[in-house]
Amino acid sequence: MKERIRLGTRGSKLALAQAKLIADMLRALDGGPDVEIVPLKTAGDALAPSQPGSLDRKAAFTGEIEAQLLAGSIDLAVHSMKDLPAALDPELTVSATPKRGDPRDVLVSRLGLRLKTMQAGARIGTSSVRRRAQLLALRPDLDVVELHGNLDTRVKKMESQGLDGIVLAAAGLHRAGLEGVITEFFEAEQMVPAVCQGTLAVETRRQDADTTLLAKAIDDPETHAASLCERAFAGELGGDCNVPLGALARLGERTLEVVGIIASPDGRRVLRAEERGPASRPEELGRKLGRKLAEAGGRDILRELKP
């Protein structure tokens, strides 16, 4: 086992907190290594708020880190799994997905109100087309506005821009120590989360057997199966950050249960379906759910979303 490894991550407050979680897990292993956290600047971090669509979001936040991993400047990388592109470089692999954080979306309300008690025309901020669609499906009378930036920035913008609320990921707020601002949790029956929301991915070079083996020691099999299922679902639909889709897979008694949605951006059409199957074949289950939604009208939505 290596005595010292370099862990690459984005330099935001949330990314560093997530990297520390992984570093602490690795250090706690029997004979665990000394872990150096290496913050890296990505194209996504340098993107101006007025240019949110000028780069592929997933590549913008992971590309530079993966380049450093391939070059050997770092030994492993930590990402939010939902930021990873569907197809990885063949020389890289996700070696571990530690136990998933809370996958739910949450409302942060400036006045402490729940979504159903907000007045008509309430202004809710989000950068996610998936959240926008599901918010409008729940409350068509809302004014859903574009809101970009890292976690701290979005919370501050809620106040400075006079928004009534914002929708964020529960896991990110917990990891950043900001769980106290949460007003309401959305269960999957109300709002299906993003694919792999709350899941961290530890990425290594395939040829680096020592580091890959080390990372596998902190893998959580249940989280790993859920992430394979959800990513297969998104892959079947060709989904990216510009497609309002979501999925949540959970382990039942010897089975994997997954719910998925695809929606029109205005929230007028929200297609929802569920599947259940052997936990040993998570990708097959995810693809099956993707095909089910595609045949139920998802292909029409996807065609309309193409430029």
C-alpha atoms as a PDB file:
ATOM      1  CA  MET A   1       0.000   0.000   0.000  1.00  0.00           C
ATOM      2  CA  LYS A   2       1.242   3.497  -0.815  1.00  0.00           C
ATOM      3  CA  GLU A   3       2.350   5.565   2.158  1.00  0.00           C
ATOM      4  CA  ARG A   4       1.269   8.853   0.601  1.00  0.00           C
ATOM      5  CA  ILE A   5      -1.353   9.659  -2.030  1.00  0.00           C
ATOM      6  CA  ARG A   6      -2.535  12.896  -3.653  1.00  0.00           C
ATOM      7  CA  LEU A   7      -6.280  13.436  -3.820  1.00  0.00           C
ATOM      8  CA  GLY A   8      -7.518  15.906  -6.438  1.00  0.00           C
ATOM      9  CA  THR A   9     -10.700  17.928  -6.067  1.00  0.00           C
ATOM     10  CA  ARG A  10     -12.325  21.203  -6.995  1.00  0.00           C
ATOM     11  CA  GLY A  11     -11.473  24.062  -4.680  1.00  0.00           C
ATOM     12  CA  SER A  12     -14.971  25.098  -3.609  1.00  0.00           C
ATOM     13  CA  LYS A  13     -15.974  24.893   0.050  1.00  0.00           C
ATOM     14  CA  LEU A  14     -18.304  21.976  -0.636  1.00  0.00           C
ATOM     15  CA  ALA A  15     -15.793  20.081  -2.804  1.00  0.00           C
ATOM     16  CA  LEU A  16     -13.089  20.443  -0.156  1.00  0.00           C
ATOM     17  CA  ALA A  17     -15.477  19.214   2.543  1.00  0.00           C
ATOM     18  CA  GLN A  18     -16.284  16.175   0.389  1.00  0.00           C
ATOM     19  CA  ALA A  19     -12.603  15.533  -0.280  1.00  0.00           C
ATOM     20  CA  LYS A  20     -11.915  15.654   3.454  1.00  0.00           C
ATOM     21  CA  LEU A  21     -14.591  13.009   4.034  1.00  0.00           C
ATOM     22  CA  ILE A  22     -12.841  10.682   1.578  1.00  0.00           C
ATOM     23  CA  ALA A  23      -9.386  11.500   2.916  1.00  0.00           C
ATOM     24  CA  ASP A  24     -10.507  10.682   6.468  1.00  0.00           C
ATOM     25  CA  MET A  25     -11.969   7.348   5.320  1.00  0.00           C
ATOM     26  CA  LEU A  26      -8.707   6.400   3.613  1.00  0.00           C
ATOM     27  CA  ARG A  27      -6.578   7.454   6.582  1.00  0.00           C
ATOM     28  CA  ALA A  28      -8.784   5.376   8.907  1.00  0.00           C
ATOM     29  CA  LEU A  29      -8.040   2.152   7.019  1.00  0.00           C
ATOM     30  CA  ASP A  30      -5.684  -0.330   8.634  1.00  0.00           C
ATOM     31  CA  GLY A  31      -2.275   0.965   7.565  1.00  0.00           C
ATOM     32  CA  GLY A  32      -4.023   3.805   5.737  1.00  0.00           C
ATOM     33  CA  PRO A  33      -1.857   6.289   3.833  1.00  0.00           C
ATOM     34  CA  ASP A  34      -1.047   9.928   4.414  1.00  0.00           C
ATOM     35  CA  VAL A  35      -3.476  11.807   2.140  1.00  0.00           C
ATOM     36  CA  GLU A  36      -2.695  15.189   0.610  1.00  0.00           C
ATOM     37  CA  ILE A  37      -5.727  17.086  -0.709  1.00  0.00           C
ATOM     38  CA  VAL A  38      -4.867  18.934  -3.930  1.00  0.00           C
ATOM     39  CA  PRO A  39      -7.407  21.668  -4.886  1.00  0.00           C
ATOM     40  CA  LEU A  40      -7.682  22.194  -8.647  1.00  0.00           C
ATOM     41  CA  LYS A  41      -9.358  24.981 -10.596  1.00  0.00           C
ATOM     42  CA  THR A  42     -11.760  23.831 -13.319  1.00  0.00           C
ATOM     43  CA  ALA A  43     -13.326  25.537 -16.306  1.00  0.00           C
ATOM     44  CA  GLY A  44     -16.660  25.420 -14.481  1.00  0.00           C
ATOM     45  CA  ASP A  45     -15.234  27.356 -11.536  1.00  0.00           C
ATOM     46  CA  ALA A  46     -13.952  30.062 -13.874  1.00  0.00           C
ATOM     47  CA  LEU A  47     -17.241  30.354 -15.776  1.00  0.00           C
ATOM     48  CA  ALA A  48     -19.030  33.652 -15.280  1.00  0.00           C
ATOM     49  CA  PRO A  49     -22.585  33.381 -13.894  1.00  0.00           C
ATOM     50  CA  SER A  50     -23.864  34.982 -17.092  1.00  0.00           C
ATOM     51  CA  GLN A  51     -22.384  32.127 -19.155  1.00  0.00           C
ATOM     52  CA  PRO A  52     -23.906  29.013 -17.534  1.00  0.00           C
ATOM     53  CA  GLY A  53     -24.637  27.288 -20.832  1.00  0.00           C
ATOM     54  CA  SER A  54     -21.434  28.108 -22.687  1.00  0.00           C
ATOM     55  CA  LEU A  55     -19.681  24.888 -21.638  1.00  0.00           C
ATOM     56  CA  ASP A  56     -20.776  21.315 -21.121  1.00  0.00           C
ATOM     57  CA  ARG A  57     -21.402  21.404 -17.392  1.00  0.00           C
ATOM     58  CA  LYS A  58     -20.135  17.923 -16.575  1.00  0.00           C
ATOM     59  CA  ALA A  59     -16.933  18.327 -18.578  1.00  0.00           C
ATOM     60  CA  ALA A  60     -16.470  21.821 -17.160  1.00  0.00           C
ATOM     61  CA  PHE A  61     -16.330  20.552 -13.583  1.00  0.00           C
ATOM     62  CA  THR A  62     -14.518  17.239 -14.075  1.00  0.00           C
ATOM     63  CA  GLY A  63     -12.363  17.543 -17.211  1.00  0.00           C
ATOM     64  CA  GLU A  64      -9.354  19.315 -15.694  1.00  0.00           C
ATOM     65  CA  ILE A  65      -9.317  17.029 -12.666  1.00  0.00           C
ATOM     66  CA  GLU A  66      -9.424  13.939 -14.892  1.00  0.00           C
ATOM     67  CA  ALA A  67      -6.632  15.395 -17.033  1.00  0.00           C
ATOM     68  CA  GLN A  68      -4.431  15.762 -13.939  1.00  0.00           C
ATOM     69  CA  LEU A  69      -5.295  12.209 -12.905  1.00  0.00           C
ATOM     70  CA  LEU A  70      -4.340  10.852 -16.325  1.00  0.00           C
ATOM     71  CA  ALA A  71      -1.084  12.828 -16.205  1.00  0.00           C
ATOM     72  CA  GLY A  72      -0.197  11.336 -12.828  1.00  0.00           C
ATOM     73  CA  SER A  73      -0.187  14.692 -11.019  1.00  0.00           C
ATOM     74  CA  ILE A  74      -2.723  13.235  -8.584  1.00  0.00           C
ATOM     75  CA  ASP A  75      -3.383   9.621  -7.579  1.00  0.00           C
ATOM     76  CA  LEU A  76      -7.147   9.745  -7.277  1.00  0.00           C
ATOM     77  CA  ALA A  77      -9.966  12.231  -7.744  1.00  0.00           C
ATOM     78  CA  VAL A  78     -13.156  12.907  -5.846  1.00  0.00           C
ATOM     79  CA  HIS A  79     -16.250  14.143  -7.679  1.00  0.00           C
ATOM     80  CA  SER A  80     -19.924  14.542  -7.016  1.00  0.00           C
ATOM     81  CA  MET A  81     -21.085  11.520  -8.992  1.00  0.00           C
ATOM     82  CA  LYS A  82     -23.834  13.525 -10.710  1.00  0.00           C
ATOM     83  CA  ASP A  83     -21.100  15.693 -12.315  1.00  0.00           C
ATOM     84  CA  LEU A  84     -19.388  12.740 -13.999  1.00  0.00           C
ATOM     85  CA  PRO A  85     -20.088  12.327 -17.741  1.00  0.00           C
ATOM     86  CA  ALA A  86     -21.896   9.169 -18.816  1.00  0.00           C
ATOM     87  CA  ALA A  87     -18.803   7.817 -20.603  1.00  0.00           C
ATOM     88  CA  LEU A  88     -15.506   7.831 -18.722  1.00  0.00           C
ATOM     89  CA  ASP A  89     -12.057   7.855 -20.279  1.00  0.00           C
ATOM     90  CA  PRO A  90     -11.162   4.166 -20.815  1.00  0.00           C
ATOM     91  CA  GLU A  91      -8.011   4.638 -18.743  1.00  0.00           C
ATOM     92  CA  LEU A  92     -10.043   5.761 -15.709  1.00  0.00           C
ATOM     93  CA  THR A  93     -12.470   3.948 -13.438  1.00  0.00           C
ATOM     94  CA  VAL A  94     -14.769   4.750 -10.519  1.00  0.00           C
ATOM     95  CA  SER A  95     -13.159   2.596  -7.846  1.00  0.00           C
ATOM     96  CA  ALA A  96     -15.420   3.550  -4.952  1.00  0.00           C
ATOM     97  CA  THR A  97     -18.752   5.091  -4.111  1.00  0.00           C
ATOM     98  CA  PRO A  98     -18.853   5.515  -0.313  1.00  0.00           C
ATOM     99  CA  LYS A  99     -22.177   5.427   1.523  1.00  0.00           C
ATOM    100  CA  ARG A 100     -24.586   7.836  -0.121  1.00  0.00           C
ATOM    101  CA  GLY A 101     -25.612  11.067   1.548  1.00  0.00           C
ATOM    102  CA  ASP A 102     -29.233  12.209   1.721  1.00  0.00           C
ATOM    103  CA  PRO A 103     -30.348  12.157  -1.947  1.00  0.00           C
ATOM    104  CA  ARG A 104     -33.328  14.482  -1.494  1.00  0.00           C
ATOM    105  CA  ASP A 105     -33.840  18.003  -2.752  1.00  0.00           C
ATOM    106  CA  VAL A 106     -34.710  20.636  -0.175  1.00  0.00           C
ATOM    107  CA  LEU A 107     -36.314  24.047  -0.039  1.00  0.00           C
ATOM    108  CA  VAL A 108     -34.508  26.901   1.649  1.00  0.00           C
ATOM    109  CA  SER A 109     -37.131  29.590   2.285  1.00  0.00           C
ATOM    110  CA  ARG A 110     -36.213  33.175   3.151  1.00  0.00           C
ATOM    111  CA  LEU A 111     -39.271  33.493   5.424  1.00  0.00           C
ATOM    112  CA  GLY A 112     -39.340  29.890   6.652  1.00  0.00           C
ATOM    113  CA  LEU A 113     -42.384  28.937   4.557  1.00  0.00           C
ATOM    114  CA  ARG A 114     -43.108  25.525   3.045  1.00  0.00           C
ATOM    115  CA  LEU A 115     -43.721  25.341  -0.697  1.00  0.00           C
ATOM    116  CA  LYS A 116     -47.486  24.842  -0.387  1.00  0.00           C
ATOM    117  CA  THR A 117     -47.885  27.913   1.854  1.00  0.00           C
ATOM    118  CA  MET A 118     -46.009  30.332  -0.420  1.00  0.00           C
ATOM    119  CA  GLN A 119     -48.034  32.986  -2.202  1.00  0.00           C
ATOM    120  CA  ALA A 120     -48.804  32.796  -5.913  1.00  0.00           C
ATOM    121  CA  GLY A 121     -45.940  34.256  -7.919  1.00  0.00           C
ATOM    122  CA  ALA A 122     -43.341  33.407  -5.275  1.00  0.00           C
ATOM    123  CA  ARG A 123     -39.850  33.592  -6.783  1.00  0.00           C
ATOM    124  CA  ILE A 124     -37.857  30.359  -6.425  1.00  0.00           C
ATOM    125  CA  GLY A 125     -34.263  30.117  -7.642  1.00  0.00           C
ATOM    126  CA  THR A 126     -32.587  27.068  -9.154  1.00  0.00           C
ATOM    127  CA  SER A 127     -29.954  26.245 -11.768  1.00  0.00           C
ATOM    128  CA  SER A 128     -31.522  22.850 -12.532  1.00  0.00           C
ATOM    129  CA  VAL A 129     -33.979  22.203 -15.366  1.00  0.00           C
ATOM    130  CA  ARG A 130     -35.072  19.064 -13.491  1.00  0.00           C
ATOM    131  CA  ARG A 131     -35.961  21.027 -10.361  1.00  0.00           C
ATOM    132  CA  ARG A 132     -37.637  23.757 -12.426  1.00  0.00           C
ATOM    133  CA  ALA A 133     -39.894  21.245 -14.181  1.00  0.00           C
ATOM    134  CA  GLN A 134     -40.922  19.486 -10.978  1.00  0.00           C
ATOM    135  CA  LEU A 135     -41.460  22.744  -9.085  1.00  0.00           C
ATOM    136  CA  LEU A 136     -43.796  23.962 -11.825  1.00  0.00           C
ATOM    137  CA  ALA A 137     -45.594  20.609 -11.830  1.00  0.00           C
ATOM    138  CA  LEU A 138     -46.227  21.031  -8.097  1.00  0.00           C
ATOM    139  CA  ARG A 139     -46.996  24.755  -8.254  1.00  0.00           C
ATOM    140  CA  PRO A 140     -47.623  26.160 -11.774  1.00  0.00           C
ATOM    141  CA  ASP A 141     -48.154  29.602 -10.229  1.00  0.00           C
ATOM    142  CA  LEU A 142     -44.517  29.935  -9.091  1.00  0.00           C
ATOM    143  CA  ASP A 143     -41.971  32.215 -10.751  1.00  0.00           C
ATOM    144  CA  VAL A 144     -38.940  29.948 -11.130  1.00  0.00           C
ATOM    145  CA  VAL A 145     -35.815  32.012 -11.861  1.00  0.00           C
ATOM    146  CA  GLU A 146     -32.276  31.111 -12.957  1.00  0.00           C
ATOM    147  CA  LEU A 147     -29.819  30.987 -10.064  1.00  0.00           C
ATOM    148  CA  HIS A 148     -26.195  29.918 -10.546  1.00  0.00           C
ATOM    149  CA  GLY A 149     -23.085  29.778  -8.398  1.00  0.00           C
ATOM    150  CA  ASN A 150     -21.645  27.547  -5.697  1.00  0.00           C
ATOM    151  CA  LEU A 151     -23.602  26.630  -2.584  1.00  0.00           C
ATOM    152  CA  ASP A 152     -22.657  29.644  -0.468  1.00  0.00           C
ATOM    153  CA  THR A 153     -23.228  32.012  -3.376  1.00  0.00           C
ATOM    154  CA  ARG A 154     -26.740  30.744  -4.019  1.00  0.00           C
ATOM    155  CA  VAL A 155     -27.737  31.029  -0.348  1.00  0.00           C
ATOM    156  CA  LYS A 156     -26.441  34.626  -0.279  1.00  0.00           C
ATOM    157  CA  LYS A 157     -28.171  35.465  -3.576  1.00  0.00           C
ATOM    158  CA  MET A 158     -31.506  34.404  -2.112  1.00  0.00           C
ATOM    159  CA  GLU A 159     -31.215  37.345   0.274  1.00  0.00           C
ATOM    160  CA  SER A 160     -29.547  39.847  -2.048  1.00  0.00           C
ATOM    161  CA  GLN A 161     -31.957  39.188  -4.928  1.00  0.00           C
ATOM    162  CA  GLY A 162     -35.042  39.042  -2.737  1.00  0.00           C
ATOM    163  CA  LEU A 163     -35.974  35.498  -3.716  1.00  0.00           C
ATOM    164  CA  ASP A 164     -38.634  33.736  -1.686  1.00  0.00           C
ATOM    165  CA  GLY A 165     -36.670  30.518  -1.728  1.00  0.00           C
ATOM    166  CA  ILE A 166     -34.154  28.280  -3.471  1.00  0.00           C
ATOM    167  CA  VAL A 167     -33.991  24.519  -4.060  1.00  0.00           C
ATOM    168  CA  LEU A 168     -30.727  22.716  -3.310  1.00  0.00           C
ATOM    169  CA  ALA A 169     -29.408  19.225  -2.572  1.00  0.00           C
ATOM    170  CA  ALA A 170     -29.708  18.060   1.028  1.00  0.00           C
ATOM    171  CA  ALA A 171     -26.384  16.204   0.932  1.00  0.00           C
ATOM    172  CA  GLY A 172     -24.421  19.279  -0.114  1.00  0.00           C
ATOM    173  CA  LEU A 173     -25.899  21.406   2.655  1.00  0.00           C
ATOM    174  CA  HIS A 174     -25.150  18.716   5.242  1.00  0.00           C
ATOM    175  CA  ARG A 175     -21.555  18.304   4.063  1.00  0.00           C
ATOM    176  CA  ALA A 176     -21.001  22.062   4.060  1.00  0.00           C
ATOM    177  CA  GLY A 177     -22.431  22.387   7.573  1.00  0.00           C
ATOM    178  CA  LEU A 178     -25.409  24.430   6.343  1.00  0.00           C
ATOM    179  CA  GLU A 179     -28.224  22.011   7.180  1.00  0.00           C
ATOM    180  CA  GLY A 180     -29.705  24.592   9.549  1.00  0.00           C
ATOM    181  CA  VAL A 181     -31.048  26.645   6.615  1.00  0.00           C
ATOM    182  CA  ILE A 182     -33.275  23.817   5.329  1.00  0.00           C
ATOM    183  CA  THR A 183     -36.996  24.601   5.480  1.00  0.00           C
ATOM    184  CA  GLU A 184     -38.494  21.549   3.789  1.00  0.00           C
ATOM    185  CA  PHE A 185     -37.366  18.175   2.443  1.00  0.00           C
ATOM    186  CA  PHE A 186     -38.908  16.921  -0.808  1.00  0.00           C
ATOM    187  CA  GLU A 187     -39.577  13.191  -0.851  1.00  0.00           C
ATOM    188  CA  ALA A 188     -39.230  11.324  -4.148  1.00  0.00           C
ATOM    189  CA  GLU A 189     -43.032  11.309  -4.488  1.00  0.00           C
ATOM    190  CA  GLN A 190     -42.835  15.103  -4.840  1.00  0.00           C
ATOM    191  CA  MET A 191     -39.488  15.614  -6.531  1.00  0.00           C
ATOM    192  CA  VAL A 192     -37.297  12.825  -7.908  1.00  0.00           C
ATOM    193  CA  PRO A 193     -33.640  13.759  -7.344  1.00  0.00           C
ATOM    194  CA  ALA A 194     -30.901  14.011  -9.945  1.00  0.00           C
ATOM    195  CA  VAL A 195     -29.162  10.826 -11.018  1.00  0.00           C
ATOM    196  CA  CYS A 196     -26.645   9.924  -8.276  1.00  0.00           C
ATOM    197  CA  GLN A 197     -27.468  12.987  -6.175  1.00  0.00           C
ATOM    198  CA  GLY A 198     -25.722  12.680  -2.806  1.00  0.00           C
ATOM    199  CA  THR A 199     -23.203  10.136  -4.126  1.00  0.00           C
ATOM    200  CA  LEU A 200     -19.446  10.721  -4.198  1.00  0.00           C
ATOM    201  CA  ALA A 201     -17.261   9.068  -6.835  1.00  0.00           C
ATOM    202  CA  VAL A 202     -13.630   8.150  -6.206  1.00  0.00           C
ATOM    203  CA  GLU A 203     -11.891   7.897  -9.561  1.00  0.00           C
ATOM    204  CA  THR A 204      -8.510   6.260 -10.205  1.00  0.00           C
ATOM    205  CA  ARG A 205      -6.317   5.181 -13.118  1.00  0.00           C
ATOM    206  CA  ARG A 206      -7.023   1.591 -14.131  1.00  0.00           C
ATOM    207  CA  GLN A 207      -3.315   0.802 -14.321  1.00  0.00           C
ATOM    208  CA  ASP A 208      -2.682   2.095 -10.787  1.00  0.00           C
ATOM    209  CA  ALA A 209      -3.599  -1.167  -9.087  1.00  0.00           C
ATOM    210  CA  ASP A 210      -2.448  -0.117  -5.599  1.00  0.00           C
ATOM    211  CA  THR A 211      -4.556   3.056  -5.447  1.00  0.00           C
ATOM    212  CA  THR A 212      -7.541   1.350  -7.055  1.00  0.00           C
ATOM    213  CA  LEU A 213      -7.418  -1.436  -4.471  1.00  0.00           C
ATOM    214  CA  LEU A 214      -7.083   1.131  -1.693  1.00  0.00           C
ATOM    215  CA  ALA A 215     -10.146   3.041  -2.912  1.00  0.00           C
ATOM    216  CA  LYS A 216     -12.226  -0.129  -3.192  1.00  0.00           C
ATOM    217  CA  ALA A 217     -11.846  -0.564   0.580  1.00  0.00           C
ATOM    218  CA  ILE A 218     -14.207   2.392   1.179  1.00  0.00           C
ATOM    219  CA  ASP A 219     -16.809   1.364  -1.418  1.00  0.00           C
ATOM    220  CA  ASP A 220     -20.398   0.848  -0.256  1.00  0.00           C
ATOM    221  CA  PRO A 221     -22.015  -1.959  -2.304  1.00  0.00           C
ATOM    222  CA  GLU A 222     -25.561  -0.606  -1.929  1.00  0.00           C
ATOM    223  CA  THR A 223     -24.538   2.868  -3.126  1.00  0.00           C
ATOM    224  CA  HIS A 224     -22.482   1.335  -5.931  1.00  0.00           C
ATOM    225  CA  ALA A 225     -25.440  -0.695  -7.216  1.00  0.00           C
ATOM    226  CA  ALA A 226     -27.753   2.340  -7.036  1.00  0.00           C
ATOM    227  CA  SER A 227     -25.294   4.522  -8.944  1.00  0.00           C
ATOM    228  CA  LEU A 228     -24.856   1.921 -11.704  1.00  0.00           C
ATOM    229  CA  CYS A 229     -28.633   1.651 -12.053  1.00  0.00           C
ATOM    230  CA  GLU A 230     -29.254   5.405 -12.147  1.00  0.00           C
ATOM    231  CA  ARG A 231     -26.404   6.123 -14.579  1.00  0.00           C
ATOM    232  CA  ALA A 232     -27.648   3.347 -16.885  1.00  0.00           C
ATOM    233  CA  PHE A 233     -31.104   4.943 -16.781  1.00  0.00           C
ATOM    234  CA  ALA A 234     -29.700   8.342 -17.794  1.00  0.00           C
ATOM    235  CA  GLY A 235     -27.525   6.737 -20.462  1.00  0.00           C
ATOM    236  CA  GLU A 236     -30.507   4.968 -22.000  1.00  0.00           C
ATOM    237  CA  LEU A 237     -32.284   8.314 -22.380  1.00  0.00           C
ATOM    238  CA  GLY A 238     -29.150  10.145 -23.499  1.00  0.00           C
ATOM    239  CA  GLY A 239     -29.697  12.497 -20.590  1.00  0.00           C
ATOM    240  CA  ASP A 240     -27.405  15.359 -19.636  1.00  0.00           C
ATOM    241  CA  CYS A 241     -27.732  18.465 -17.486  1.00  0.00           C
ATOM    242  CA  ASN A 242     -30.071  20.069 -20.033  1.00  0.00           C
ATOM    243  CA  VAL A 243     -32.641  17.269 -19.838  1.00  0.00           C
ATOM    244  CA  PRO A 244     -35.214  17.342 -17.004  1.00  0.00           C
ATOM    245  CA  LEU A 245     -34.779  13.784 -15.799  1.00  0.00           C
ATOM    246  CA  GLY A 246     -34.100  12.182 -12.458  1.00  0.00           C
ATOM    247  CA  ALA A 247     -33.874   8.774 -10.832  1.00  0.00           C
ATOM    248  CA  LEU A 248     -33.559   7.248  -7.399  1.00  0.00           C
ATOM    249  CA  ALA A 249     -32.635   3.598  -6.819  1.00  0.00           C
ATOM    250  CA  ARG A 250     -32.973   2.004  -3.408  1.00  0.00           C
ATOM    251  CA  LEU A 251     -32.182  -1.481  -2.174  1.00  0.00           C
ATOM    252  CA  GLY A 252     -35.206  -3.429  -0.999  1.00  0.00           C
ATOM    253  CA  GLU A 253     -35.293  -6.981   0.299  1.00  0.00           C
ATOM    254  CA  ARG A 254     -32.920  -8.702  -2.166  1.00  0.00           C
ATOM    255  CA  THR A 255     -34.159  -6.404  -4.917  1.00  0.00           C
ATOM    256  CA  LEU A 256     -33.350  -2.986  -6.289  1.00  0.00           C
ATOM    257  CA  GLU A 257     -36.231  -0.556  -6.689  1.00  0.00           C
ATOM    258  CA  VAL A 258     -35.863   2.487  -8.928  1.00  0.00           C
ATOM    259  CA  VAL A 259     -38.150   5.399  -9.756  1.00  0.00           C
ATOM    260  CA  GLY A 260     -37.451   7.712 -12.674  1.00  0.00           C
ATOM    261  CA  ILE A 261     -38.949  10.769 -14.338  1.00  0.00           C
ATOM    262  CA  ILE A 262     -38.527  12.737 -17.518  1.00  0.00           C
ATOM    263  CA  ALA A 263     -40.363  16.027 -17.881  1.00  0.00           C
ATOM    264  CA  SER A 264     -40.962  18.931 -20.193  1.00  0.00           C
ATOM    265  CA  PRO A 265     -39.112  22.044 -18.947  1.00  0.00           C
ATOM    266  CA  ASP A 266     -42.408  23.835 -18.224  1.00  0.00           C
ATOM    267  CA  GLY A 267     -43.566  21.019 -15.941  1.00  0.00           C
ATOM    268  CA  ARG A 268     -46.757  20.396 -17.902  1.00  0.00           C
ATOM    269  CA  ARG A 269     -45.712  16.839 -18.720  1.00  0.00           C
ATOM    270  CA  VAL A 270     -43.991  14.753 -16.069  1.00  0.00           C
ATOM    271  CA  LEU A 271     -43.610  11.095 -17.027  1.00  0.00           C
ATOM    272  CA  ARG A 272     -42.930   8.858 -14.054  1.00  0.00           C
ATOM    273  CA  ALA A 273     -42.302   5.115 -13.841  1.00  0.00           C
ATOM    274  CA  GLU A 274     -40.898   2.519 -11.459  1.00  0.00           C
ATOM    275  CA  GLU A 275     -39.116  -0.790 -11.864  1.00  0.00           C
ATOM    276  CA  ARG A 276     -37.926  -3.532  -9.555  1.00  0.00           C
ATOM    277  CA  GLY A 277     -35.407  -6.263 -10.219  1.00  0.00           C
ATOM    278  CA  PRO A 278     -32.441  -8.264  -8.914  1.00  0.00           C
ATOM    279  CA  ALA A 279     -29.871  -6.142  -7.122  1.00  0.00           C
ATOM    280  CA  SER A 280     -27.194  -8.147  -8.949  1.00  0.00           C
ATOM    281  CA  ARG A 281     -28.180  -6.594 -12.309  1.00  0.00           C
ATOM    282  CA  PRO A 282     -28.493  -2.855 -11.593  1.00  0.00           C
ATOM    283  CA  GLU A 283     -27.543  -1.570 -15.051  1.00  0.00           C
ATOM    284  CA  GLU A 284     -30.040  -3.848 -16.766  1.00  0.00           C
ATOM    285  CA  LEU A 285     -32.755  -2.497 -14.454  1.00  0.00           C
ATOM    286  CA  GLY A 286     -31.791   1.127 -15.150  1.00  0.00           C
ATOM    287  CA  ARG A 287     -31.859   0.610 -18.918  1.00  0.00           C
ATOM    288  CA  LYS A 288     -35.242  -1.127 -18.657  1.00  0.00           C
ATOM    289  CA  LEU A 289     -36.695   1.861 -16.827  1.00  0.00           C
ATOM    290  CA  GLY A 290     -35.203   4.232 -19.389  1.00  0.00           C
ATOM    291  CA  ARG A 291     -36.813   2.307 -22.250  1.00  0.00           C
ATOM    292  CA  LYS A 292     -40.132   2.252 -20.410  1.00  0.00           C
ATOM    293  CA  LEU A 293     -40.189   6.042 -20.077  1.00  0.00           C
ATOM    294  CA  ALA A 294     -38.939   6.560 -23.626  1.00  0.00           C
ATOM    295  CA  GLU A 295     -41.824   4.485 -24.974  1.00  0.00           C
ATOM    296  CA  ALA A 296     -44.313   6.295 -22.707  1.00  0.00           C
ATOM    297  CA  GLY A 297     -43.580   9.631 -24.362  1.00  0.00           C
ATOM    298  CA  GLY A 298     -40.038  10.389 -23.260  1.00  0.00           C
ATOM    299  CA  ARG A 299     -38.764  10.269 -26.851  1.00  0.00           C
ATOM    300  CA  ASP A 300     -41.173  13.066 -27.765  1.00  0.00           C
ATOM    301  CA  ILE A 301     -39.840  15.224 -24.926  1.00  0.00           C
ATOM    302  CA  LEU A 302     -36.250  14.516 -25.954  1.00  0.00           C
ATOM    303  CA  ARG A 303     -36.984  15.448 -29.576  1.00  0.00           C
ATOM    304  CA  GLU A 304     -38.486  18.743 -28.469  1.00  0.00           C
ATOM    305  CA  LEU A 305     -35.428  19.522 -26.344  1.00  0.00           C
ATOM    306  CA  LYS A 306     -32.997  19.142 -29.258  1.00  0.00           C
ATOM    307  CA  PRO A 307     -31.751  22.483 -30.658  1.00  0.00           C
END
